[in-house]
Amino acid sequence: MYRLWVGLVSLVLLIVIGAYFWLRQEPAQLSPPAPAALPPAIAQAEPAIKYPILTPPGTTELPPLERADDFVREQLTELLGDKSVKTFVQLEDFARRVVATVDNLPRSLAPPRMWPIPTTSGRFTVETAESGSVIGATNATRYTPFVALVESLDAGRAVALYQRLYPLFQNAYEALGYPGKYFNDRLVEVIDLLLATPEPPGPLKVELPDIQGPLKLTHPWVLYHFSDPALEGLSSGQKIMLRVGRENEKRLKAKLAEIRKLVVGDRVGRF
């Protein structure tokens, strides 16, 4: 149900104001020549691209974004295998889906219709505890097949493919409304956010919203939210990490950390 295609690049401009000095004039003495005012320190501008992606040598020229689906299918099948691609990947407009999902994960809502994977089968389950309703202990098993696939990925090959396809992601990111912005910087920012997801002890308490009136809930399992305001106030990506279960969360974080090192460094796996 929840896809973590998966980044911290909040650009903060530091402005340093220069100091101005003046000398006090002594009585009955000629004033010394005033020293030249020190010019204000100029803040160093943040780099336009913080984590540049270098296209691997010998990379085949990519098709235009609008006609890239077949090429992407071929590349993903070589990496994941035909069965996994058919099971776990939404190939139509894949680059746009990845970019939109990554960009939405730090926000309060990441619409499933834009995810690059199909929603997980089954329903979100809860259990009754002394403190109220908590996420069901078996709920995490719904996500285990996907987590196992992510865990089995050769991170070097996956990042090499990401680099090969990067022009498609960059074009999709600019078309999303970020001209002049760099998608890989956003990706690293989102990975860092996901890695910072808290890991509260014990079962996570959830509850349904208080709905007034005659409206009958036909799919209540999609409306549960965290009872703890601090958890409910997390980004959509971080809440996804919590909902997949603590063990799955740890496994995903380990793979994300491995991918981050490759994405921001010079080490590139062979494809």
Protein backbone atom coordinates (compact mmCIF):
# COMPACT_ATOMS: atom_id res chain seq x y z
CA MET A 1 0.00 0.00 0.00
CA TYR A 2 2.73 2.35 0.81
CA ARG A 3 5.63 2.96 -1.50
CA LEU A 4 8.85 4.44 -0.36
CA TRP A 5 10.66 5.35 -3.54
CA VAL A 6 12.83 6.52 -2.38
CA GLY A 7 15.70 12.21 1.16
CA LEU A 8 17.93 16.69 3.93
CA VAL A 9 18.19 19.62 1.62
CA SER A 10 16.30 22.61 3.14
CA LEU A 11 18.12 25.57 1.57
CA VAL A 12 18.81 28.14 4.29
CA LEU A 13 20.38 31.44 3.28
CA LEU A 14 22.73 32.80 5.98
CA ILE A 15 23.09 36.59 5.86
CA VAL A 16 26.06 37.99 7.75
CA ILE A 17 25.88 41.72 8.51
CA GLY A 18 29.25 43.50 8.60
CA ALA A 19 30.33 45.48 11.64
CA TYR A 20 30.91 49.21 11.52
CA PHE A 21 33.57 50.77 13.71
CA TRP A 22 34.18 54.37 14.69
CA LEU A 23 36.88 56.01 16.78
CA ARG A 24 36.04 58.44 19.58
CA GLN A 25 37.64 61.84 19.13
CA GLU A 26 39.89 63.00 21.98
CA PRO A 27 39.40 66.64 23.12
CA ALA A 28 41.91 69.25 21.92
CA GLN A 29 43.43 66.81 19.49
CA LEU A 30 43.10 66.49 15.81
CA SER A 31 40.82 63.72 14.85
CA PRO A 32 42.68 60.80 13.36
CA PRO A 33 41.65 59.89 9.88
CA ALA A 34 38.58 57.74 9.92
CA PRO A 35 39.37 54.17 9.04
CA ALA A 36 37.71 52.77 6.00
CA ALA A 37 34.51 51.02 6.91
CA LEU A 38 34.78 47.28 6.65
CA PRO A 39 32.52 46.02 3.91
CA PRO A 40 29.68 43.79 5.05
CA ALA A 41 30.49 40.13 4.86
CA ILE A 42 28.83 38.52 1.90
CA ALA A 43 26.95 35.36 2.64
CA GLN A 44 28.05 32.40 0.65
CA ALA A 45 25.23 31.34 -1.57
CA GLU A 46 24.00 27.79 -1.29
CA PRO A 47 25.09 25.68 -4.25
CA ALA A 48 22.45 25.41 -6.96
CA ILE A 49 22.94 21.64 -6.86
CA LYS A 50 23.94 20.07 -3.57
CA TYR A 51 24.06 16.42 -4.59
CA PRO A 52 24.87 16.24 -8.32
CA ILE A 53 24.14 13.12 -10.30
CA LEU A 54 26.66 12.20 -12.97
CA THR A 55 25.36 10.28 -15.93
CA PRO A 56 27.33 7.03 -16.22
CA PRO A 57 29.68 6.88 -19.23
CA GLY A 58 28.30 5.08 -22.23
CA THR A 59 24.69 5.71 -21.23
CA THR A 60 22.22 5.21 -24.04
CA GLU A 61 20.34 8.34 -25.04
CA LEU A 62 16.98 8.34 -23.30
CA PRO A 63 13.64 8.68 -25.07
CA PRO A 64 11.49 11.74 -24.32
CA LEU A 65 9.60 11.63 -21.03
CA GLU A 66 6.27 11.20 -22.83
CA ARG A 67 7.49 8.06 -24.62
CA ALA A 68 9.74 6.54 -21.97
CA ASP A 69 7.44 3.84 -20.54
CA ASP A 70 8.71 0.97 -22.71
CA PHE A 71 12.34 1.87 -22.08
CA VAL A 72 11.75 2.11 -18.33
CA ARG A 73 9.94 -1.24 -18.34
CA GLU A 74 12.93 -2.87 -20.02
CA GLN A 75 15.39 -1.38 -17.52
CA LEU A 76 13.31 -2.23 -14.45
CA THR A 77 12.72 -5.78 -15.67
CA GLU A 78 16.47 -6.28 -15.98
CA LEU A 79 16.90 -5.10 -12.38
CA LEU A 80 13.87 -6.66 -10.67
CA GLY A 81 12.73 -9.46 -12.93
CA ASP A 82 9.53 -9.67 -14.96
CA LYS A 83 7.35 -11.10 -12.17
CA SER A 84 8.33 -8.44 -9.63
CA VAL A 85 7.77 -5.63 -12.13
CA LYS A 86 4.29 -6.91 -12.98
CA THR A 87 3.46 -7.34 -9.29
CA PHE A 88 4.93 -4.25 -7.69
CA VAL A 89 5.37 -1.52 -10.31
CA GLN A 90 2.99 0.91 -11.99
CA LEU A 91 4.82 1.37 -15.29
CA GLU A 92 2.57 3.99 -16.86
CA ASP A 93 4.20 7.42 -16.36
CA PHE A 94 6.66 5.78 -13.98
CA ALA A 95 9.08 8.72 -13.82
CA ARG A 96 6.27 11.18 -13.08
CA ARG A 97 4.84 8.87 -10.42
CA VAL A 98 8.19 8.52 -8.67
CA VAL A 99 8.81 12.26 -8.69
CA ALA A 100 5.32 13.16 -7.49
CA THR A 101 5.42 10.56 -4.71
CA VAL A 102 8.87 11.57 -3.48
CA ASP A 103 7.81 15.21 -3.48
CA ASN A 104 4.62 14.44 -1.54
CA LEU A 105 6.13 12.24 1.19
CA PRO A 106 7.23 15.22 3.33
CA ARG A 107 3.73 16.69 3.06
CA SER A 108 0.59 15.81 4.99
CA LEU A 109 -0.86 13.83 2.09
CA ALA A 110 0.65 11.55 -0.57
CA PRO A 111 -2.24 10.55 -2.89
CA PRO A 112 -2.11 6.81 -3.68
CA ARG A 113 -3.24 7.42 -7.27
CA MET A 114 0.21 8.86 -7.96
CA TRP A 115 2.24 6.07 -6.36
CA PRO A 116 4.60 4.08 -8.60
CA ILE A 117 3.32 0.80 -7.10
CA PRO A 118 -0.18 -0.68 -6.74
CA THR A 119 -1.87 -0.46 -3.36
CA THR A 120 -1.37 -3.46 -1.10
CA SER A 121 -4.20 -5.94 -0.94
CA GLY A 122 -6.16 -6.46 2.25
CA ARG A 123 -7.36 -4.02 4.89
CA PHE A 124 -5.67 -2.02 7.57
CA THR A 125 -6.37 -3.94 10.79
CA VAL A 126 -6.72 -2.83 14.40
CA GLU A 127 -6.95 -4.60 17.73
CA THR A 128 -8.59 -3.67 21.01
CA ALA A 129 -6.20 -3.05 23.89
CA GLU A 130 -6.64 -1.68 27.41
CA SER A 131 -5.77 1.80 26.17
CA GLY A 132 -8.10 1.59 23.17
CA SER A 133 -7.61 0.59 19.53
CA VAL A 134 -4.08 -0.15 18.34
CA ILE A 135 -2.62 -1.19 14.99
CA GLY A 136 -3.09 -4.94 14.63
CA ALA A 137 -0.06 -7.13 15.19
CA THR A 138 -0.66 -8.94 11.88
CA ASN A 139 -1.09 -5.76 9.87
CA ALA A 140 2.62 -5.63 9.03
CA THR A 141 2.43 -8.94 7.14
CA ARG A 142 0.57 -7.15 4.31
CA TYR A 143 3.72 -5.20 3.54
CA THR A 144 6.27 -7.96 4.08
CA PRO A 145 6.49 -9.10 0.40
CA PHE A 146 7.26 -5.57 -0.76
CA VAL A 147 9.75 -4.97 2.04
CA ALA A 148 11.46 -8.25 1.16
CA LEU A 149 11.78 -7.10 -2.46
CA VAL A 150 13.31 -3.77 -1.40
CA GLU A 151 15.66 -5.54 0.99
CA SER A 152 16.84 -7.93 -1.72
CA LEU A 153 17.79 -5.14 -4.13
CA ASP A 154 21.43 -4.73 -5.00
CA ALA A 155 21.76 -1.09 -3.92
CA GLY A 156 24.66 -0.44 -6.28
CA ARG A 157 22.75 -1.66 -9.33
CA ALA A 158 19.61 0.17 -8.24
CA VAL A 159 21.47 3.49 -7.87
CA ALA A 160 23.27 2.92 -11.17
CA LEU A 161 19.87 2.54 -12.86
CA TYR A 162 18.62 5.64 -11.05
CA GLN A 163 21.58 7.56 -12.45
CA ARG A 164 20.95 6.20 -15.92
CA LEU A 165 17.30 7.28 -15.81
CA TYR A 166 17.98 10.51 -13.93
CA PRO A 167 17.30 12.89 -16.87
CA LEU A 168 13.74 11.53 -16.96
CA PHE A 169 13.25 12.19 -13.24
CA GLN A 170 14.74 15.67 -13.56
CA ASN A 171 12.48 16.54 -16.49
CA ALA A 172 9.44 15.24 -14.61
CA TYR A 173 10.42 17.23 -11.52
CA GLU A 174 10.72 20.48 -13.44
CA ALA A 175 7.42 19.78 -15.21
CA LEU A 176 5.82 19.26 -11.79
CA GLY A 177 6.44 22.94 -11.08
CA TYR A 178 10.07 23.18 -9.99
CA PRO A 179 12.00 24.80 -12.84
CA GLY A 180 15.64 25.21 -11.89
CA LYS A 181 15.30 22.86 -8.89
CA TYR A 182 17.22 19.60 -8.62
CA PHE A 183 15.30 16.38 -8.01
CA ASN A 184 18.18 14.46 -6.43
CA ASP A 185 18.45 17.13 -3.73
CA ARG A 186 14.77 16.62 -2.97
CA LEU A 187 15.25 12.84 -2.90
CA VAL A 188 18.06 13.06 -0.33
CA GLU A 189 15.96 15.45 1.76
CA VAL A 190 13.09 12.97 1.76
CA ILE A 191 15.33 9.99 2.59
CA ASP A 192 16.69 11.91 5.58
CA LEU A 193 13.14 12.67 6.69
CA LEU A 194 12.16 9.01 6.50
CA LEU A 195 15.28 7.94 8.38
CA ALA A 196 14.31 10.41 11.13
CA THR A 197 10.93 8.73 11.66
CA PRO A 198 10.49 8.18 15.40
CA GLU A 199 10.21 4.66 16.78
CA PRO A 200 7.81 4.91 19.75
CA PRO A 201 7.71 1.85 22.01
CA GLY A 202 4.71 -0.41 22.26
CA PRO A 203 1.63 -0.77 20.03
CA LEU A 204 0.54 2.39 18.25
CA LYS A 205 -2.85 3.66 19.33
CA VAL A 206 -5.24 4.72 16.57
CA GLU A 207 -8.80 6.01 16.43
CA LEU A 208 -11.55 6.92 14.03
CA PRO A 209 -12.56 10.55 13.52
CA ASP A 210 -15.67 11.76 15.30
CA ILE A 211 -18.19 12.14 12.49
CA GLN A 212 -21.49 13.83 13.31
CA GLY A 213 -24.71 13.19 11.47
CA PRO A 214 -26.33 10.25 9.69
CA LEU A 215 -23.31 9.42 7.53
CA LYS A 216 -22.49 5.72 7.73
CA LEU A 217 -18.87 4.67 7.36
CA THR A 218 -18.61 2.02 4.64
CA HIS A 219 -14.79 1.79 4.68
CA PRO A 220 -13.78 2.82 8.20
CA TRP A 221 -10.36 1.13 7.98
CA VAL A 222 -9.11 3.90 5.66
CA LEU A 223 -9.98 6.65 8.16
CA TYR A 224 -7.96 5.61 11.20
CA HIS A 225 -5.45 8.15 12.45
CA PHE A 226 -2.90 8.13 15.27
CA SER A 227 -4.27 9.07 18.67
CA ASP A 228 -1.00 10.74 19.63
CA PRO A 229 -1.08 14.27 18.12
CA ALA A 230 2.72 14.22 17.74
CA LEU A 231 2.53 11.11 15.54
CA GLU A 232 -0.50 12.33 13.61
CA GLY A 233 1.38 15.55 12.92
CA LEU A 234 4.20 13.72 11.15
CA SER A 235 4.54 13.83 7.38
CA SER A 236 2.70 11.33 5.21
CA GLY A 237 5.95 9.46 4.54
CA GLN A 238 6.81 9.13 8.21
CA LYS A 239 3.29 7.91 9.04
CA ILE A 240 3.65 5.31 6.30
CA MET A 241 6.86 4.11 7.95
CA LEU A 242 5.01 3.71 11.24
CA ARG A 243 2.05 1.89 9.72
CA VAL A 244 4.14 -0.81 8.02
CA GLY A 245 5.23 -2.12 11.42
CA ARG A 246 8.35 -1.68 13.52
CA GLU A 247 10.33 -4.56 12.03
CA ASN A 248 9.51 -3.55 8.46
CA GLU A 249 10.38 0.04 9.32
CA LYS A 250 13.83 -0.97 10.54
CA ARG A 251 14.48 -3.04 7.43
CA LEU A 252 13.40 -0.21 5.15
CA LYS A 253 15.53 2.29 7.05
CA ALA A 254 18.59 0.07 6.65
CA LYS A 255 18.10 -0.07 2.87
CA LEU A 256 17.38 3.65 2.65
CA ALA A 257 20.59 4.43 4.54
CA GLU A 258 22.54 2.20 2.16
CA ILE A 259 21.02 3.88 -0.89
CA ARG A 260 21.63 7.35 0.52
CA LYS A 261 25.36 6.71 0.83
CA LEU A 262 25.51 5.77 -2.84
CA VAL A 263 23.29 8.60 -4.04
CA VAL A 264 25.30 11.34 -2.34
CA GLY A 265 28.73 9.78 -2.84
CA ASP A 266 30.90 8.89 -5.78
CA ARG A 267 30.49 5.16 -5.46
CA VAL A 268 28.31 3.74 -8.18
CA GLY A 269 27.44 0.09 -8.53
CA ARG A 270 27.73 -1.62 -11.87
CA PHE A 271 24.51 -2.37 -13.67
